[in-house]
């Protein structure tokens, strides 16, 4: 589990670029919101949105938002294997 300040990231699903070992695409993120303790899976544009350099997540419970660097997701996807 990794804390981003707003969310505890529990699981990340996606694809890696084989040539660079970086996250090519994050398809879903299971997380817990630190503000309202809501446990959720972000998988659509209302809760998970690709932005330059990372992903913007939004809690469906309290609507807290945070942009998270792609480096965080790179580490999660690397550990998955």
PDB file of N, CA and C in Angstrom:
ATOM      1  N   UNK A   1       0.850  -1.168   0.000  1.00  0.00           N
ATOM      2  CA  UNK A   1       0.000   0.000   0.000  1.00  0.00           C
ATOM      3  C   UNK A   1       0.901   1.238   0.000  1.00  0.00           C
ATOM      4  N   UNK A   2       0.465   2.259  -0.696  1.00  0.00           N
ATOM      5  CA  UNK A   2       1.235   3.492  -0.803  1.00  0.00           C
ATOM      6  C   UNK A   2       0.316   4.683  -0.539  1.00  0.00           C
ATOM      7  N   UNK A   3       0.754   5.600   0.312  1.00  0.00           N
ATOM      8  CA  UNK A   3      -0.034   6.787   0.610  1.00  0.00           C
ATOM      9  C   UNK A   3       0.397   7.931  -0.302  1.00  0.00           C
ATOM     10  N   UNK A   4      -0.590   8.620  -0.877  1.00  0.00           N
ATOM     11  CA  UNK A   4      -0.310   9.758  -1.752  1.00  0.00           C
ATOM     12  C   UNK A   4      -0.616  11.084  -1.062  1.00  0.00           C
ATOM     13  N   UNK A   5      -1.088  11.035   0.160  1.00  0.00           N
ATOM     14  CA  UNK A   5      -1.493  12.239   0.873  1.00  0.00           C
ATOM     15  C   UNK A   5      -3.001  12.368   0.946  1.00  0.00           C
ATOM     16  N   UNK A   6      -3.683  11.988  -0.115  1.00  0.00           N
ATOM     17  CA  UNK A   6      -5.146  12.015  -0.157  1.00  0.00           C
ATOM     18  C   UNK A   6      -5.707  10.590  -0.203  1.00  0.00           C
ATOM     19  N   UNK A   7      -4.971   9.684  -0.825  1.00  0.00           N
ATOM     20  CA  UNK A   7      -5.428   8.300  -0.992  1.00  0.00           C
ATOM     21  C   UNK A   7      -4.372   7.305  -0.528  1.00  0.00           C
ATOM     22  N   UNK A   8      -4.850   6.149  -0.066  1.00  0.00           N
ATOM     23  CA  UNK A   8      -3.988   4.976   0.100  1.00  0.00           C
ATOM     24  C   UNK A   8      -4.233   4.140  -1.147  1.00  0.00           C
ATOM     25  N   UNK A   9      -3.211   3.943  -1.949  1.00  0.00           N
ATOM     26  CA  UNK A   9      -3.335   3.098  -3.136  1.00  0.00           C
ATOM     27  C   UNK A   9      -3.119   1.657  -2.720  1.00  0.00           C
ATOM     28  N   UNK A  10      -4.054   0.799  -3.089  1.00  0.00           N
ATOM     29  CA  UNK A  10      -4.013  -0.598  -2.691  1.00  0.00           C
ATOM     30  C   UNK A  10      -3.585  -1.487  -3.842  1.00  0.00           C
ATOM     31  N   UNK A  11      -4.163  -1.257  -5.015  1.00  0.00           N
ATOM     32  CA  UNK A  11      -3.835  -2.065  -6.185  1.00  0.00           C
ATOM     33  C   UNK A  11      -3.956  -1.211  -7.440  1.00  0.00           C
ATOM     34  N   UNK A  12      -3.050  -1.448  -8.382  1.00  0.00           N
ATOM     35  CA  UNK A  12      -3.052  -0.732  -9.657  1.00  0.00           C
ATOM     36  C   UNK A  12      -3.043  -1.758 -10.777  1.00  0.00           C
ATOM     37  N   UNK A  13      -3.934  -1.589 -11.747  1.00  0.00           N
ATOM     38  CA  UNK A  13      -3.957  -2.462 -12.931  1.00  0.00           C
ATOM     39  C   UNK A  13      -3.667  -1.611 -14.156  1.00  0.00           C
ATOM     40  N   UNK A  14      -2.905  -2.186 -15.068  1.00  0.00           N
ATOM     41  CA  UNK A  14      -2.590  -1.471 -16.294  1.00  0.00           C
ATOM     42  C   UNK A  14      -1.529  -2.187 -17.089  1.00  0.00           C
ATOM     43  N   UNK A  15      -1.032  -1.508 -18.093  1.00  0.00           N
ATOM     44  CA  UNK A  15      -0.021  -2.072 -18.984  1.00  0.00           C
ATOM     45  C   UNK A  15       1.261  -1.267 -18.862  1.00  0.00           C
ATOM     46  N   UNK A  16       2.387  -1.969 -19.017  1.00  0.00           N
ATOM     47  CA  UNK A  16       3.687  -1.303 -18.999  1.00  0.00           C
ATOM     48  C   UNK A  16       4.269  -1.277 -20.397  1.00  0.00           C
ATOM     49  N   UNK A  17       5.071  -0.255 -20.665  1.00  0.00           N
ATOM     50  CA  UNK A  17       5.854  -0.208 -21.892  1.00  0.00           C
ATOM     51  C   UNK A  17       7.045  -1.133 -21.696  1.00  0.00           C
ATOM     52  N   UNK A  18       7.171  -2.139 -22.527  1.00  0.00           N
ATOM     53  CA  UNK A  18       8.244  -3.110 -22.361  1.00  0.00           C
ATOM     54  C   UNK A  18       9.618  -2.494 -22.544  1.00  0.00           C
ATOM     55  N   UNK A  19       9.740  -1.530 -23.436  1.00  0.00           N
ATOM     56  CA  UNK A  19      11.048  -0.939 -23.718  1.00  0.00           C
ATOM     57  C   UNK A  19      11.569  -0.054 -22.585  1.00  0.00           C
ATOM     58  N   UNK A  20      10.663   0.584 -21.829  1.00  0.00           N
ATOM     59  CA  UNK A  20      11.113   1.516 -20.799  1.00  0.00           C
ATOM     60  C   UNK A  20      10.717   1.118 -19.390  1.00  0.00           C
ATOM     61  N   UNK A  21       9.896   0.072 -19.239  1.00  0.00           N
ATOM     62  CA  UNK A  21       9.448  -0.391 -17.930  1.00  0.00           C
ATOM     63  C   UNK A  21       8.601   0.661 -17.205  1.00  0.00           C
ATOM     64  N   UNK A  22       7.923   1.508 -17.975  1.00  0.00           N
ATOM     65  CA  UNK A  22       7.061   2.541 -17.399  1.00  0.00           C
ATOM     66  C   UNK A  22       5.598   2.193 -17.665  1.00  0.00           C
ATOM     67  N   UNK A  23       4.720   2.821 -16.908  1.00  0.00           N
ATOM     68  CA  UNK A  23       3.289   2.609 -17.092  1.00  0.00           C
ATOM     69  C   UNK A  23       2.845   3.214 -18.416  1.00  0.00           C
ATOM     70  N   UNK A  24       2.358   2.379 -19.310  1.00  0.00           N
ATOM     71  CA  UNK A  24       1.841   2.866 -20.587  1.00  0.00           C
ATOM     72  C   UNK A  24       0.390   3.310 -20.426  1.00  0.00           C
ATOM     73  N   UNK A  25      -0.337   2.566 -19.577  1.00  0.00           N
ATOM     74  CA  UNK A  25      -1.759   2.854 -19.394  1.00  0.00           C
ATOM     75  C   UNK A  25      -2.204   2.267 -18.058  1.00  0.00           C
ATOM     76  N   UNK A  26      -2.829   3.076 -17.227  1.00  0.00           N
ATOM     77  CA  UNK A  26      -3.422   2.615 -15.977  1.00  0.00           C
ATOM     78  C   UNK A  26      -4.910   2.441 -16.237  1.00  0.00           C
ATOM     79  N   UNK A  27      -5.425   1.231 -16.010  1.00  0.00           N
ATOM     80  CA  UNK A  27      -6.832   0.949 -16.301  1.00  0.00           C
ATOM     81  C   UNK A  27      -7.728   1.022 -15.073  1.00  0.00           C
ATOM     82  N   UNK A  28      -7.164   0.759 -13.890  1.00  0.00           N
ATOM     83  CA  UNK A  28      -7.944   0.885 -12.661  1.00  0.00           C
ATOM     84  C   UNK A  28      -7.018   1.007 -11.460  1.00  0.00           C
ATOM     85  N   UNK A  29      -7.542   1.659 -10.432  1.00  0.00           N
ATOM     86  CA  UNK A  29      -6.806   1.824  -9.184  1.00  0.00           C
ATOM     87  C   UNK A  29      -7.777   1.559  -8.040  1.00  0.00           C
ATOM     88  N   UNK A  30      -7.425   0.619  -7.178  1.00  0.00           N
ATOM     89  CA  UNK A  30      -8.199   0.386  -5.961  1.00  0.00           C
ATOM     90  C   UNK A  30      -7.539   1.205  -4.867  1.00  0.00           C
ATOM     91  N   UNK A  31      -8.342   1.999  -4.169  1.00  0.00           N
ATOM     92  CA  UNK A  31      -7.795   2.930  -3.183  1.00  0.00           C
ATOM     93  C   UNK A  31      -8.774   3.148  -2.045  1.00  0.00           C
ATOM     94  N   UNK A  32      -8.248   3.798  -1.021  1.00  0.00           N
ATOM     95  CA  UNK A  32      -9.051   4.234   0.114  1.00  0.00           C
ATOM     96  C   UNK A  32      -8.801   5.726   0.289  1.00  0.00           C
ATOM     97  N   UNK A  33      -9.858   6.486   0.457  1.00  0.00           N
ATOM     98  CA  UNK A  33      -9.744   7.928   0.633  1.00  0.00           C
ATOM     99  C   UNK A  33      -9.400   8.235   2.093  1.00  0.00           C
ATOM    100  N   UNK A  34      -8.362   9.017   2.302  1.00  0.00           N
ATOM    101  CA  UNK A  34      -7.954   9.367   3.660  1.00  0.00           C
ATOM    102  C   UNK A  34      -8.868  10.414   4.294  1.00  0.00           C
ATOM    103  N   UNK A  35      -9.649  11.121   3.484  1.00  0.00           N
ATOM    104  CA  UNK A  35     -10.541  12.151   4.022  1.00  0.00           C
ATOM    105  C   UNK A  35     -11.849  11.564   4.544  1.00  0.00           C
ATOM    106  N   UNK A  36     -12.425  10.597   3.786  1.00  0.00           N
ATOM    107  CA  UNK A  36     -13.729  10.061   4.190  1.00  0.00           C
ATOM    108  C   UNK A  36     -13.715   8.547   4.431  1.00  0.00           C
ATOM    109  N   UNK A  37     -12.547   7.902   4.267  1.00  0.00           N
ATOM    110  CA  UNK A  37     -12.371   6.453   4.463  1.00  0.00           C
ATOM    111  C   UNK A  37     -13.146   5.596   3.473  1.00  0.00           C
ATOM    112  N   UNK A  38     -13.588   6.177   2.372  1.00  0.00           N
ATOM    113  CA  UNK A  38     -14.309   5.424   1.339  1.00  0.00           C
ATOM    114  C   UNK A  38     -13.329   4.530   0.587  1.00  0.00           C
ATOM    115  N   UNK A  39     -13.651   3.251   0.459  1.00  0.00           N
ATOM    116  CA  UNK A  39     -12.853   2.282  -0.286  1.00  0.00           C
ATOM    117  C   UNK A  39     -13.500   2.139  -1.659  1.00  0.00           C
ATOM    118  N   UNK A  40     -12.711   2.297  -2.743  1.00  0.00           N
ATOM    119  CA  UNK A  40     -13.302   2.289  -4.078  1.00  0.00           C
ATOM    120  C   UNK A  40     -12.294   1.823  -5.125  1.00  0.00           C
ATOM    121  N   UNK A  41     -12.814   1.506  -6.289  1.00  0.00           N
ATOM    122  CA  UNK A  41     -11.981   1.218  -7.448  1.00  0.00           C
ATOM    123  C   UNK A  41     -12.274   2.275  -8.499  1.00  0.00           C
ATOM    124  N   UNK A  42     -11.260   3.035  -8.843  1.00  0.00           N
ATOM    125  CA  UNK A  42     -11.374   4.068  -9.875  1.00  0.00           C
ATOM    126  C   UNK A  42     -11.073   3.415 -11.215  1.00  0.00           C
ATOM    127  N   UNK A  43     -12.022   3.484 -12.145  1.00  0.00           N
ATOM    128  CA  UNK A  43     -11.815   2.810 -13.425  1.00  0.00           C
ATOM    129  C   UNK A  43     -12.469   3.530 -14.596  1.00  0.00           C
ATOM    130  N   UNK A  44     -13.150   4.631 -14.344  1.00  0.00           N
ATOM    131  CA  UNK A  44     -13.768   5.359 -15.456  1.00  0.00           C
ATOM    132  C   UNK A  44     -13.428   6.839 -15.338  1.00  0.00           C
ATOM    133  N   UNK A  45     -13.835   7.617 -16.299  1.00  0.00           N
ATOM    134  CA  UNK A  45     -13.452   9.032 -16.354  1.00  0.00           C
ATOM    135  C   UNK A  45     -13.986   9.867 -15.185  1.00  0.00           C
ATOM    136  N   UNK A  46     -14.971   9.385 -14.471  1.00  0.00           N
ATOM    137  CA  UNK A  46     -15.478  10.153 -13.338  1.00  0.00           C
ATOM    138  C   UNK A  46     -14.568  10.037 -12.115  1.00  0.00           C
ATOM    139  N   UNK A  47     -13.723   9.003 -12.072  1.00  0.00           N
ATOM    140  CA  UNK A  47     -12.844   8.791 -10.923  1.00  0.00           C
ATOM    141  C   UNK A  47     -11.368   8.644 -11.283  1.00  0.00           C
ATOM    142  N   UNK A  48     -11.065   8.414 -12.559  1.00  0.00           N
ATOM    143  CA  UNK A  48      -9.693   8.168 -13.000  1.00  0.00           C
ATOM    144  C   UNK A  48      -9.490   8.806 -14.365  1.00  0.00           C
ATOM    145  N   UNK A  49      -8.572   9.749 -14.440  1.00  0.00           N
ATOM    146  CA  UNK A  49      -8.371  10.478 -15.680  1.00  0.00           C
ATOM    147  C   UNK A  49      -6.882  10.660 -15.940  1.00  0.00           C
ATOM    148  N   UNK A  50      -6.443  10.271 -17.137  1.00  0.00           N
ATOM    149  CA  UNK A  50      -5.039  10.469 -17.505  1.00  0.00           C
ATOM    150  C   UNK A  50      -4.783  11.954 -17.710  1.00  0.00           C
ATOM    151  N   UNK A  51      -3.701  12.444 -17.102  1.00  0.00           N
ATOM    152  CA  UNK A  51      -3.255  13.824 -17.266  1.00  0.00           C
ATOM    153  C   UNK A  51      -1.770  13.780 -17.609  1.00  0.00           C
ATOM    154  N   UNK A  52      -1.227  14.835 -18.182  1.00  0.00           N
ATOM    155  CA  UNK A  52       0.199  14.812 -18.500  1.00  0.00           C
ATOM    156  C   UNK A  52       1.048  14.499 -17.265  1.00  0.00           C
ATOM    157  N   UNK A  53       1.834  13.448 -17.355  1.00  0.00           N
ATOM    158  CA  UNK A  53       2.727  13.075 -16.259  1.00  0.00           C
ATOM    159  C   UNK A  53       2.119  12.214 -15.183  1.00  0.00           C
ATOM    160  N   UNK A  54       0.862  11.799 -15.347  1.00  0.00           N
ATOM    161  CA  UNK A  54       0.269  10.958 -14.319  1.00  0.00           C
ATOM    162  C   UNK A  54      -1.216  10.723 -14.480  1.00  0.00           C
ATOM    163  N   UNK A  55      -1.871  10.566 -13.353  1.00  0.00           N
ATOM    164  CA  UNK A  55      -3.299  10.253 -13.285  1.00  0.00           C
ATOM    165  C   UNK A  55      -3.950  11.187 -12.267  1.00  0.00           C
ATOM    166  N   UNK A  56      -5.129  11.696 -12.583  1.00  0.00           N
ATOM    167  CA  UNK A  56      -5.933  12.445 -11.617  1.00  0.00           C
ATOM    168  C   UNK A  56      -7.010  11.495 -11.107  1.00  0.00           C
ATOM    169  N   UNK A  57      -7.087  11.371  -9.786  1.00  0.00           N
ATOM    170  CA  UNK A  57      -8.101  10.512  -9.169  1.00  0.00           C
ATOM    171  C   UNK A  57      -9.087  11.358  -8.387  1.00  0.00           C
ATOM    172  N   UNK A  58     -10.317  10.833  -8.292  1.00  0.00           N
ATOM    173  CA  UNK A  58     -11.359  11.514  -7.520  1.00  0.00           C
ATOM    174  C   UNK A  58     -12.112  10.483  -6.702  1.00  0.00           C
ATOM    175  N   UNK A  59     -12.321  10.771  -5.438  1.00  0.00           N
ATOM    176  CA  UNK A  59     -13.082   9.888  -4.555  1.00  0.00           C
ATOM    177  C   UNK A  59     -14.562  10.016  -4.887  1.00  0.00           C
ATOM    178  N   UNK A  60     -15.242   8.902  -5.146  1.00  0.00           N
ATOM    179  CA  UNK A  60     -16.675   8.977  -5.422  1.00  0.00           C
ATOM    180  C   UNK A  60     -17.497   9.297  -4.168  1.00  0.00           C
ATOM    181  N   UNK A  61     -16.889   9.169  -2.996  1.00  0.00           N
ATOM    182  CA  UNK A  61     -17.598   9.460  -1.749  1.00  0.00           C
ATOM    183  C   UNK A  61     -17.646  10.942  -1.433  1.00  0.00           C
ATOM    184  N   UNK A  62     -16.467  11.542  -1.223  1.00  0.00           N
ATOM    185  CA  UNK A  62     -16.424  12.950  -0.805  1.00  0.00           C
ATOM    186  C   UNK A  62     -15.941  13.890  -1.905  1.00  0.00           C
ATOM    187  N   UNK A  63     -15.596  13.331  -3.071  1.00  0.00           N
ATOM    188  CA  UNK A  63     -15.144  14.103  -4.239  1.00  0.00           C
ATOM    189  C   UNK A  63     -13.740  14.690  -4.081  1.00  0.00           C
ATOM    190  N   UNK A  64     -12.967  14.231  -3.084  1.00  0.00           N
ATOM    191  CA  UNK A  64     -11.575  14.679  -2.945  1.00  0.00           C
ATOM    192  C   UNK A  64     -10.830  14.311  -4.224  1.00  0.00           C
ATOM    193  N   UNK A  65      -9.895  15.174  -4.637  1.00  0.00           N
ATOM    194  CA  UNK A  65      -9.145  14.953  -5.881  1.00  0.00           C
ATOM    195  C   UNK A  65      -7.658  15.056  -5.622  1.00  0.00           C
ATOM    196  N   UNK A  66      -6.907  14.350  -6.478  1.00  0.00           N
ATOM    197  CA  UNK A  66      -5.461  14.477  -6.432  1.00  0.00           C
ATOM    198  C   UNK A  66      -4.871  13.993  -7.743  1.00  0.00           C
ATOM    199  N   UNK A  67      -3.879  14.727  -8.229  1.00  0.00           N
ATOM    200  CA  UNK A  67      -3.082  14.267  -9.365  1.00  0.00           C
ATOM    201  C   UNK A  67      -1.901  13.497  -8.791  1.00  0.00           C
ATOM    202  N   UNK A  68      -1.640  12.326  -9.362  1.00  0.00           N
ATOM    203  CA  UNK A  68      -0.581  11.451  -8.862  1.00  0.00           C
ATOM    204  C   UNK A  68       0.382  11.166  -9.996  1.00  0.00           C
ATOM    205  N   UNK A  69       1.658  11.326  -9.725  1.00  0.00           N
ATOM    206  CA  UNK A  69       2.706  11.136 -10.723  1.00  0.00           C
ATOM    207  C   UNK A  69       2.719   9.714 -11.276  1.00  0.00           C
ATOM    208  N   UNK A  70       3.026   9.601 -12.551  1.00  0.00           N
ATOM    209  CA  UNK A  70       3.112   8.283 -13.182  1.00  0.00           C
ATOM    210  C   UNK A  70       4.205   7.425 -12.555  1.00  0.00           C
ATOM    211  N   UNK A  71       5.186   8.027 -11.899  1.00  0.00           N
ATOM    212  CA  UNK A  71       6.256   7.272 -11.231  1.00  0.00           C
ATOM    213  C   UNK A  71       5.668   6.346 -10.162  1.00  0.00           C
ATOM    214  N   UNK A  72       4.657   6.802  -9.453  1.00  0.00           N
ATOM    215  CA  UNK A  72       4.003   5.984  -8.429  1.00  0.00           C
ATOM    216  C   UNK A  72       3.384   4.749  -9.071  1.00  0.00           C
ATOM    217  N   UNK A  73       2.743   4.935 -10.214  1.00  0.00           N
ATOM    218  CA  UNK A  73       2.099   3.813 -10.895  1.00  0.00           C
ATOM    219  C   UNK A  73       3.121   2.880 -11.529  1.00  0.00           C
ATOM    220  N   UNK A  74       4.246   3.435 -12.002  1.00  0.00           N
ATOM    221  CA  UNK A  74       5.329   2.602 -12.535  1.00  0.00           C
ATOM    222  C   UNK A  74       5.771   1.597 -11.480  1.00  0.00           C
ATOM    223  N   UNK A  75       5.977   2.071 -10.248  1.00  0.00           N
ATOM    224  CA  UNK A  75       6.413   1.194  -9.158  1.00  0.00           C
ATOM    225  C   UNK A  75       5.384   0.113  -8.859  1.00  0.00           C
ATOM    226  N   UNK A  76       4.114   0.468  -8.833  1.00  0.00           N
ATOM    227  CA  UNK A  76       3.053  -0.515  -8.564  1.00  0.00           C
ATOM    228  C   UNK A  76       3.032  -1.597  -9.639  1.00  0.00           C
ATOM    229  N   UNK A  77       3.080  -1.192 -10.891  1.00  0.00           N
ATOM    230  CA  UNK A  77       3.022  -2.164 -11.991  1.00  0.00           C
ATOM    231  C   UNK A  77       4.260  -3.051 -12.018  1.00  0.00           C
ATOM    232  N   UNK A  78       5.398  -2.526 -11.652  1.00  0.00           N
ATOM    233  CA  UNK A  78       6.620  -3.314 -11.591  1.00  0.00           C
ATOM    234  C   UNK A  78       6.531  -4.375 -10.502  1.00  0.00           C
ATOM    235  N   UNK A  79       5.972  -4.013  -9.351  1.00  0.00           N
ATOM    236  CA  UNK A  79       5.838  -4.945  -8.212  1.00  0.00           C
ATOM    237  C   UNK A  79       4.825  -6.045  -8.477  1.00  0.00           C
ATOM    238  N   UNK A  80       3.893  -5.782  -9.380  1.00  0.00           N
ATOM    239  CA  UNK A  80       2.823  -6.734  -9.680  1.00  0.00           C
ATOM    240  C   UNK A  80       3.346  -8.017 -10.291  1.00  0.00           C
ATOM    241  N   UNK A  81       4.474  -7.946 -10.946  1.00  0.00           N
ATOM    242  CA  UNK A  81       4.995  -9.118 -11.665  1.00  0.00           C
ATOM    243  C   UNK A  81       5.865  -9.984 -10.813  1.00  0.00           C
TER     244      UNK A  81
END
